[in-house]
């Protein structure tokens, strides 16, 4: 299994996984947003960074990060916004490799922080706990669209 950058030819595989990811979170993402997300993934000038878990030519997972500036550091902050592995392919280490890949990139690029959040009952927390301890912050959200 390798972790690699996406290419235009990966769109169908990514969309299949993206659909599964949104179903897991019981979310409905409009098609125009999905299209825009894919375009930003392919745009090397975008702050959106995606990586794919490729198992012998089959794309079985992805990570999507957003790089942004912060007020507590002078170097970039990385938000791991989306991480998903096909349920039929879990337990093979793809999720762990995807996270390790982001951690490696953060260190290599000199980013100041890497963070993510998930639901309290997400079974993947066992994996996440291998990398960092959850903190005591509470998230507040206002949705405008």
Foldseek 3Di string as FASTA:
>chain_A
DDKAQDDPVCVVLVVVFVVVQCVVVVHDDDPVVVVVLVVLCHDPPAQKDKIFDADPNHTFWMWIWGWDDDDVDDFIEIEGEDITGHPVPPPPCSRVNRVVVVVVCCVVVVHDYYDYDDDPPDPCVVVVVVPDDDDDDDDDDDDDD
